Amino acid sequence: MLKKENRLRDRKIFEEVLKKGKTFRTKNLFFKILKSADPNELKFGFVVSLKISKKAVKRNKLKRRMREIVRQEIPKLKKGFWGIFLPQRSALELNFWDLKKEIVEIFQKANLYG
C-alpha cells in the first residue's frame, strides 16, 4: 500500500494534473505528470474507469497492482511531482511483471529516475 504522503487525494490537484499535465504513453497505460508546488513531494493517483471493466473486482485488482509497483519504485524516483495513471482496457490482461515493465518504461520516458 502506498504511504499516505504519496497518495494524490485532493480533487483540485487531480483535475489540475489531468488538465495541465504532460502525457506519457505505453501500449497499455497513460501517465499524466505535473511539477508539484512542493519540491519534496511525490504523489500518485490511479484512475480505472468503468470503461475498463464493469466488474469492481477487476478494476480494484489493477489499481492494487499499480500501487504496489509504484510503491516499490518510489525510493528511486525524483521528488517534486504529481502523477496520475490511466490504464487502458488491455492493461487488465497484463500480469504483474509486464505491468511493472510498462510502469518503469513510463517513469524512464518521464525522466523520473534520479
Protein backbone atom coordinates (compact mmCIF):
# COMPACT_ATOMS: atom_id res chain seq x y z
CA MET A 1 0.00 0.00 0.00
CA LEU A 2 1.20 3.49 -0.80
CA LYS A 3 2.10 5.67 2.16
CA LYS A 4 -0.33 8.47 2.90
CA GLU A 5 2.21 11.10 1.89
CA ASN A 6 2.47 9.53 -1.59
CA ARG A 7 -1.26 9.43 -2.32
CA LEU A 8 -2.82 12.06 -4.55
CA ARG A 9 -6.23 12.64 -2.98
CA ASP A 10 -7.10 16.33 -3.49
CA ARG A 11 -9.71 16.70 -6.25
CA LYS A 12 -8.42 20.14 -7.33
CA ILE A 13 -4.88 18.81 -7.79
CA PHE A 14 -6.24 15.76 -9.62
CA GLU A 15 -8.10 17.99 -12.09
CA GLU A 16 -5.08 20.27 -12.49
CA VAL A 17 -2.80 17.33 -13.32
CA LEU A 18 -5.32 15.93 -15.80
CA LYS A 19 -5.77 19.33 -17.45
CA LYS A 20 -2.20 20.73 -17.44
CA GLY A 21 -0.03 17.63 -17.02
CA LYS A 22 2.33 16.29 -19.64
CA THR A 23 1.26 12.90 -21.05
CA PHE A 24 3.45 9.84 -21.46
CA ARG A 25 2.15 6.66 -23.00
CA THR A 26 2.96 2.99 -23.39
CA LYS A 27 0.92 0.33 -25.12
CA ASN A 28 -1.43 -0.16 -22.15
CA LEU A 29 -1.02 2.91 -19.92
CA PHE A 30 -1.32 6.68 -19.98
CA PHE A 31 0.58 8.72 -17.39
CA LYS A 32 -0.03 12.41 -16.68
CA ILE A 33 2.63 14.28 -14.73
CA LEU A 34 2.87 17.81 -13.37
CA LYS A 35 5.51 19.55 -11.30
CA SER A 36 4.21 19.96 -7.75
CA ALA A 37 4.24 23.12 -5.67
CA ASP A 38 6.38 21.39 -3.03
CA PRO A 39 9.80 20.19 -4.28
CA ASN A 40 9.89 17.41 -1.65
CA GLU A 41 6.51 15.97 -2.59
CA LEU A 42 5.88 12.90 -4.74
CA LYS A 43 2.24 11.85 -5.12
CA PHE A 44 0.43 9.45 -7.40
CA GLY A 45 -3.19 8.82 -8.30
CA PHE A 46 -4.84 5.98 -10.18
CA VAL A 47 -7.97 6.19 -12.32
CA VAL A 48 -9.55 2.94 -13.51
CA SER A 49 -12.92 3.80 -15.00
CA LEU A 50 -15.98 1.68 -15.66
CA LYS A 51 -14.95 1.64 -19.32
CA ILE A 52 -12.04 -0.62 -18.34
CA SER A 53 -14.33 -3.20 -16.75
CA LYS A 54 -17.80 -3.22 -15.29
CA LYS A 55 -16.54 -5.51 -12.52
CA ALA A 56 -15.16 -3.70 -9.49
CA VAL A 57 -13.03 -6.73 -8.63
CA LYS A 58 -11.04 -6.39 -11.87
CA ARG A 59 -10.69 -2.60 -11.55
CA ASN A 60 -9.53 -2.86 -7.93
CA LYS A 61 -7.04 -5.62 -8.72
CA LEU A 62 -5.47 -3.47 -11.43
CA LYS A 63 -5.26 -0.48 -9.05
CA ARG A 64 -3.70 -2.61 -6.29
CA ARG A 65 -1.07 -3.92 -8.69
CA MET A 66 -0.21 -0.44 -9.96
CA ARG A 67 0.00 0.96 -6.41
CA GLU A 68 2.35 -1.83 -5.34
CA ILE A 69 4.64 -1.31 -8.33
CA VAL A 70 4.76 2.45 -7.74
CA ARG A 71 5.42 1.87 -4.02
CA GLN A 72 8.44 -0.27 -4.92
CA GLU A 73 9.76 2.35 -7.36
CA ILE A 74 9.25 5.47 -5.18
CA PRO A 75 12.69 5.32 -3.46
CA LYS A 76 14.35 5.50 -6.91
CA LEU A 77 12.30 8.47 -8.19
CA LYS A 78 12.96 12.20 -8.19
CA LYS A 79 10.74 14.28 -5.92
CA GLY A 80 8.59 17.30 -6.75
CA PHE A 81 5.95 15.73 -8.99
CA TRP A 82 2.32 14.67 -9.08
CA GLY A 83 1.39 11.79 -11.35
CA ILE A 84 -1.79 10.04 -12.45
CA PHE A 85 -2.01 6.63 -14.10
CA LEU A 86 -4.82 5.97 -16.57
CA PRO A 87 -4.75 2.36 -17.80
CA GLN A 88 -6.46 1.14 -20.95
CA ARG A 89 -8.68 -1.95 -21.11
CA SER A 90 -5.77 -4.05 -22.42
CA ALA A 91 -3.93 -3.49 -19.10
CA LEU A 92 -6.31 -5.97 -17.45
CA GLU A 93 -4.68 -8.80 -19.39
CA LEU A 94 -1.15 -7.98 -18.20
CA ASN A 95 0.44 -9.99 -15.44
CA PHE A 96 2.22 -8.19 -12.58
CA TRP A 97 5.67 -8.32 -14.20
CA ASP A 98 4.53 -7.00 -17.59
CA LEU A 99 2.65 -4.19 -15.85
CA LYS A 100 5.80 -3.39 -13.87
CA LYS A 101 7.84 -3.19 -17.11
CA GLU A 102 5.36 -0.69 -18.55
CA ILE A 103 5.32 1.49 -15.42
CA VAL A 104 9.14 1.51 -15.29
CA GLU A 105 9.17 2.39 -19.00
CA ILE A 106 6.82 5.32 -18.36
CA PHE A 107 8.97 6.56 -15.48
CA GLN A 108 12.02 6.39 -17.78
CA LYS A 109 10.21 8.31 -20.54
CA ALA A 110 9.18 10.93 -17.97
CA ASN A 111 12.80 11.12 -16.76
CA LEU A 112 11.77 10.50 -13.14
CA TYR A 113 14.67 8.29 -12.15
CA GLY A 114 17.40 10.22 -10.42
